[in-house]
Amino acid sequence: MGCENCKQALELVEECQQKLREVAKVLKTEPEKFAVYEPPCTDLYKDRLLLKITEAGALCGMSRSTAYQMLYNGEWGKIAIRLSECSIRIPMKSLMDWIEQKSSDYS
């Protein structure tokens, strides 16, 4: 019974090694398949100074409700600008700085 388990484990290891060889081959021939994902909406907002809450959320890959939670729980409240009672905007530079700071927190 023990030898059968070892045999199965070795087969699994060989299978994993084969898959790794296949991935390495694709990496060499088609590196674009492993390019860093960039949200498609980034170009739409790159020249904007101020973003609506939903736009800032879309840039961060968040849903509308999550973006508003970020605003009201204080996470984005520090960088938001209130233009009027009903109009709040997030400066693009502040959002990029916030993302940079959050990224460095996890590195």
Foldseek 3Di string as FASTA:
>chain_A
DVVVVVVVVVVVVVVVVVVVVVVVVCCVVPVVVVDDDAQPCCVVCVPPQKAFLCSLQVRVVHHSVVSVCCCVVPVCVVQWDAPDPPGIIGTPVNSVVSVVVVVVVVD
